[in-house]
Amino acid sequence: MTIAFRLAAVLAALLCADLSHAQTGSSSDGYPSRQVKVLLPFPPGGVVDVMGRLLAQKLSDRLG
């Protein structure tokens, strides 16, 4: 795959992630009730790693 195609796929995933909303559970402390881990099947230091870290930071900001 080319870099442009990968970048387009990541950007599309980020746009779709913004449109989706999680349902609130029955717990009073909100969702998620525990840590969420993002696993990427690529070695650190690459483009996928950087994009994954950016995505994880955005998710952290939105989920608290």
Protein backbone atom coordinates (compact mmCIF):
# COMPACT_ATOMS: atom_id res chain seq x y z
CA MET A 1 0.00 0.00 0.00
CA THR A 2 1.13 3.52 -0.59
CA ILE A 3 1.59 6.08 2.15
CA ALA A 4 -1.21 8.22 0.69
CA PHE A 5 -3.66 5.32 0.86
CA ARG A 6 -2.72 4.55 4.47
CA LEU A 7 -3.06 8.20 5.43
CA ALA A 8 -6.47 8.38 3.76
CA ALA A 9 -7.59 5.25 5.64
CA VAL A 10 -6.45 6.69 8.97
CA LEU A 11 -8.18 10.00 8.31
CA ALA A 12 -11.39 8.18 7.34
CA ALA A 13 -11.21 6.17 10.56
CA LEU A 14 -10.76 9.36 12.59
CA LEU A 15 -13.78 10.96 10.92
CA CYS A 16 -15.90 7.87 11.55
CA ALA A 17 -14.76 7.71 15.17
CA ASP A 18 -16.05 11.24 15.67
CA LEU A 19 -19.50 10.24 14.40
CA SER A 20 -19.91 7.24 16.67
CA HIS A 21 -21.13 7.53 20.24
CA ALA A 22 -20.88 4.97 23.01
CA GLN A 23 -23.90 4.09 25.07
CA THR A 24 -23.67 4.84 28.74
CA GLY A 25 -23.66 1.84 31.01
CA SER A 26 -25.42 1.40 34.31
CA SER A 27 -22.35 2.37 36.34
CA SER A 28 -22.51 5.76 37.98
CA ASP A 29 -18.88 6.66 37.30
CA GLY A 30 -19.38 6.78 33.52
CA TYR A 31 -17.87 5.01 30.56
CA PRO A 32 -15.26 3.60 30.39
CA SER A 33 -15.01 2.26 33.91
CA ARG A 34 -11.43 1.06 33.33
CA GLN A 35 -8.41 1.79 31.14
CA VAL A 36 -8.77 1.39 27.38
CA LYS A 37 -5.70 0.09 25.52
CA VAL A 38 -4.97 0.73 21.85
CA LEU A 39 -2.91 -2.08 20.29
CA LEU A 40 -1.19 -1.55 16.96
CA PRO A 41 0.37 -4.52 15.13
CA PHE A 42 3.33 -2.47 13.87
CA PRO A 43 6.74 -1.63 15.41
CA PRO A 44 7.20 1.68 17.22
CA GLY A 45 8.58 4.71 15.41
CA GLY A 46 6.67 4.33 12.15
CA VAL A 47 3.80 6.26 10.64
CA VAL A 48 1.24 3.86 12.11
CA ASP A 49 2.73 4.34 15.59
CA VAL A 50 2.56 8.13 15.33
CA MET A 51 -1.02 8.07 14.04
CA GLY A 52 -1.99 5.58 16.75
CA ARG A 53 -0.54 7.82 19.45
CA LEU A 54 -2.43 10.82 18.05
CA LEU A 55 -5.64 8.79 17.97
CA ALA A 56 -5.06 7.55 21.54
CA GLN A 57 -4.53 11.13 22.74
CA LYS A 58 -7.78 12.28 21.10
CA LEU A 59 -9.64 9.34 22.65
CA SER A 60 -8.12 10.14 26.04
CA ASP A 61 -9.28 13.74 25.78
CA ARG A 62 -12.83 12.74 24.77
CA LEU A 63 -13.28 9.88 27.24
CA GLY A 64 -11.59 11.55 30.16
